[in-house]
N, C-alpha and C. Protein backbone atom coordinates (compact mmCIF):
# COMPACT_ATOMS: atom_id res chain seq x y z
N MET A 1 25.36 87.88 86.60
CA MET A 1 24.91 86.75 85.82
C MET A 1 23.50 86.36 86.22
N GLN A 2 22.68 86.06 85.24
CA GLN A 2 21.28 85.74 85.50
C GLN A 2 21.16 84.32 86.07
N ASP A 3 20.27 84.15 87.01
CA ASP A 3 20.00 82.85 87.63
C ASP A 3 18.86 82.19 86.86
N PHE A 4 19.19 81.19 86.07
CA PHE A 4 18.18 80.49 85.27
C PHE A 4 17.52 79.35 86.04
N GLY A 5 17.87 79.18 87.28
CA GLY A 5 17.31 78.08 88.06
C GLY A 5 18.13 76.82 87.87
N GLN A 6 17.57 75.72 88.32
CA GLN A 6 18.31 74.47 88.20
C GLN A 6 17.36 73.28 88.17
N VAL A 7 17.85 72.20 87.59
CA VAL A 7 17.13 70.94 87.60
C VAL A 7 17.66 70.14 88.79
N VAL A 8 16.76 69.64 89.61
CA VAL A 8 17.13 68.92 90.82
C VAL A 8 16.58 67.50 90.75
N PHE A 9 17.43 66.54 91.07
CA PHE A 9 16.99 65.14 91.08
C PHE A 9 16.42 64.77 92.44
N LYS A 10 15.37 63.96 92.40
CA LYS A 10 14.70 63.51 93.61
C LYS A 10 14.71 61.98 93.70
N ILE A 11 15.74 61.37 93.15
CA ILE A 11 15.81 59.92 93.09
C ILE A 11 15.82 59.30 94.48
N ASP A 12 16.57 59.90 95.40
CA ASP A 12 16.62 59.37 96.77
C ASP A 12 15.24 59.35 97.41
N GLN A 13 14.44 60.38 97.16
CA GLN A 13 13.09 60.43 97.71
C GLN A 13 12.24 59.28 97.18
N VAL A 14 12.33 59.06 95.87
CA VAL A 14 11.54 57.99 95.25
C VAL A 14 12.00 56.63 95.77
N LEU A 15 13.30 56.45 95.90
CA LEU A 15 13.82 55.20 96.45
C LEU A 15 13.25 54.94 97.84
N GLU A 16 13.24 55.97 98.66
CA GLU A 16 12.72 55.85 100.02
C GLU A 16 11.23 55.54 100.02
N GLU A 17 10.47 56.27 99.21
CA GLU A 17 9.02 56.06 99.14
C GLU A 17 8.67 54.65 98.68
N LYS A 18 9.44 54.13 97.72
CA LYS A 18 9.15 52.81 97.16
C LYS A 18 9.90 51.69 97.88
N LYS A 19 10.68 52.08 98.89
CA LYS A 19 11.45 51.12 99.68
C LYS A 19 12.36 50.25 98.79
N ILE A 20 13.08 50.93 97.91
CA ILE A 20 14.04 50.28 97.02
C ILE A 20 15.43 50.80 97.37
N SER A 21 16.39 49.91 97.42
CA SER A 21 17.75 50.33 97.76
C SER A 21 18.48 50.84 96.52
N LYS A 22 19.50 51.64 96.75
CA LYS A 22 20.35 52.09 95.64
C LYS A 22 21.01 50.90 94.96
N ASN A 23 21.36 49.90 95.76
CA ASN A 23 21.99 48.71 95.20
C ASN A 23 21.07 48.01 94.21
N LYS A 24 19.80 47.91 94.54
CA LYS A 24 18.83 47.26 93.64
C LYS A 24 18.66 48.10 92.38
N LEU A 25 18.52 49.41 92.53
CA LEU A 25 18.37 50.28 91.37
C LEU A 25 19.61 50.18 90.48
N GLU A 26 20.77 50.23 91.08
CA GLU A 26 22.02 50.12 90.34
C GLU A 26 22.07 48.82 89.53
N LYS A 27 21.73 47.71 90.18
CA LYS A 27 21.78 46.40 89.52
C LYS A 27 20.71 46.29 88.44
N ASP A 28 19.46 46.60 88.78
CA ASP A 28 18.35 46.41 87.85
C ASP A 28 18.41 47.36 86.65
N ALA A 29 18.97 48.54 86.85
CA ALA A 29 19.08 49.52 85.76
C ALA A 29 20.41 49.41 85.02
N ASN A 30 21.26 48.49 85.49
CA ASN A 30 22.57 48.29 84.89
C ASN A 30 23.38 49.59 84.83
N LEU A 31 23.49 50.24 86.00
CA LEU A 31 24.23 51.49 86.13
C LEU A 31 25.46 51.28 86.99
N GLN A 32 26.46 52.10 86.78
CA GLN A 32 27.62 52.11 87.67
C GLN A 32 27.24 52.93 88.90
N ARG A 33 27.79 52.56 90.04
CA ARG A 33 27.46 53.25 91.29
C ARG A 33 27.82 54.73 91.22
N THR A 34 28.99 55.05 90.64
CA THR A 34 29.39 56.45 90.54
C THR A 34 28.42 57.24 89.68
N GLN A 35 27.92 56.60 88.62
CA GLN A 35 26.95 57.25 87.74
C GLN A 35 25.66 57.53 88.51
N LEU A 36 25.16 56.53 89.22
CA LEU A 36 23.93 56.69 89.99
C LEU A 36 24.11 57.76 91.07
N ASN A 37 25.25 57.74 91.75
CA ASN A 37 25.51 58.75 92.79
C ASN A 37 25.55 60.16 92.20
N SER A 38 26.07 60.29 91.00
CA SER A 38 26.09 61.61 90.35
C SER A 38 24.69 62.16 90.17
N TYR A 39 23.77 61.30 89.77
CA TYR A 39 22.38 61.72 89.61
C TYR A 39 21.75 62.01 90.98
N CYS A 40 21.94 61.12 91.92
CA CYS A 40 21.34 61.30 93.25
C CYS A 40 21.86 62.55 93.96
N ASN A 41 23.12 62.90 93.72
CA ASN A 41 23.75 64.04 94.40
C ASN A 41 23.74 65.31 93.56
N ASN A 42 22.97 65.31 92.47
CA ASN A 42 22.85 66.48 91.60
C ASN A 42 24.20 66.98 91.09
N LYS A 43 25.05 66.05 90.69
CA LYS A 43 26.38 66.39 90.17
C LYS A 43 26.47 66.18 88.66
N VAL A 44 25.34 65.89 88.02
CA VAL A 44 25.32 65.61 86.58
C VAL A 44 25.36 66.92 85.81
N LYS A 45 26.26 66.98 84.83
CA LYS A 45 26.36 68.18 83.99
C LYS A 45 25.54 68.03 82.71
N ARG A 46 25.50 66.82 82.18
CA ARG A 46 24.72 66.53 80.96
C ARG A 46 23.90 65.28 81.19
N LEU A 47 22.63 65.37 80.86
CA LEU A 47 21.74 64.23 81.05
C LEU A 47 21.94 63.18 79.97
N ASP A 48 21.86 61.94 80.37
CA ASP A 48 21.86 60.82 79.44
C ASP A 48 20.44 60.27 79.44
N LEU A 49 19.74 60.43 78.34
CA LEU A 49 18.33 60.04 78.28
C LEU A 49 18.14 58.55 78.49
N ALA A 50 19.07 57.74 78.05
CA ALA A 50 18.97 56.30 78.27
C ALA A 50 19.05 55.99 79.77
N THR A 51 19.90 56.69 80.49
CA THR A 51 20.02 56.50 81.94
C THR A 51 18.74 56.92 82.64
N ILE A 52 18.20 58.06 82.25
CA ILE A 52 16.93 58.54 82.84
C ILE A 52 15.82 57.51 82.59
N ALA A 53 15.77 56.97 81.37
CA ALA A 53 14.75 55.98 81.02
C ALA A 53 14.91 54.72 81.88
N LYS A 54 16.15 54.27 82.07
CA LYS A 54 16.40 53.08 82.90
C LYS A 54 15.92 53.30 84.33
N ILE A 55 16.26 54.46 84.88
CA ILE A 55 15.87 54.77 86.26
C ILE A 55 14.35 54.81 86.38
N CYS A 56 13.69 55.48 85.45
CA CYS A 56 12.22 55.55 85.49
C CYS A 56 11.59 54.16 85.34
N TYR A 57 12.16 53.35 84.46
CA TYR A 57 11.63 52.00 84.24
C TYR A 57 11.72 51.17 85.52
N VAL A 58 12.90 51.15 86.12
CA VAL A 58 13.10 50.34 87.32
C VAL A 58 12.26 50.85 88.48
N LEU A 59 12.15 52.17 88.61
CA LEU A 59 11.37 52.75 89.71
C LEU A 59 9.88 52.82 89.38
N ASP A 60 9.51 52.46 88.15
CA ASP A 60 8.11 52.49 87.71
C ASP A 60 7.50 53.87 87.99
N CYS A 61 8.15 54.89 87.43
CA CYS A 61 7.70 56.26 87.66
C CYS A 61 7.93 57.10 86.41
N GLY A 62 7.46 58.32 86.43
CA GLY A 62 7.68 59.25 85.34
C GLY A 62 8.86 60.15 85.62
N ILE A 63 9.30 60.84 84.58
CA ILE A 63 10.43 61.77 84.73
C ILE A 63 10.14 62.81 85.80
N GLU A 64 8.91 63.29 85.83
CA GLU A 64 8.55 64.32 86.80
C GLU A 64 8.66 63.85 88.24
N ASP A 65 8.69 62.53 88.44
CA ASP A 65 8.83 61.98 89.79
C ASP A 65 10.28 62.01 90.28
N ILE A 66 11.23 61.96 89.35
CA ILE A 66 12.64 61.88 89.76
C ILE A 66 13.41 63.18 89.56
N MET A 67 12.81 64.15 88.88
CA MET A 67 13.51 65.42 88.70
C MET A 67 12.52 66.57 88.61
N GLU A 68 12.98 67.75 89.01
CA GLU A 68 12.13 68.94 88.93
C GLU A 68 12.98 70.16 88.62
N TYR A 69 12.33 71.15 88.07
CA TYR A 69 12.98 72.42 87.76
C TYR A 69 12.65 73.40 88.86
N LYS A 70 13.68 73.98 89.46
CA LYS A 70 13.49 75.03 90.47
C LYS A 70 13.79 76.36 89.80
N ILE A 71 12.82 77.22 89.83
CA ILE A 71 12.90 78.51 89.15
C ILE A 71 13.97 79.40 89.78
N GLY A 72 14.73 80.06 88.91
CA GLY A 72 15.75 81.01 89.36
C GLY A 72 15.13 82.37 89.61
N LYS A 73 15.93 83.29 90.10
CA LYS A 73 15.46 84.64 90.37
C LYS A 73 15.64 85.51 89.14
N LYS A 74 14.61 86.20 88.78
CA LYS A 74 14.67 87.12 87.64
C LYS A 74 15.35 88.40 88.08
N ILE A 75 16.16 88.92 87.19
CA ILE A 75 16.86 90.18 87.49
C ILE A 75 16.03 91.35 87.01
């Protein structure tokens, strides 16, 4: 099977850099803790664009700040 790479979330890094707690992000973005943890732990199977927008808004950052694509190996 071909390795297409993966999208990796960097939300924890941004939280640390901006000195914002997960609790504050959860509250201000109106997210459930399990939902936020899924994104932080790279357990999300399908992206919710509204959730991504909320996270970016609260963290005052762009999409590229909270997620990145890691290239897979070509066969």
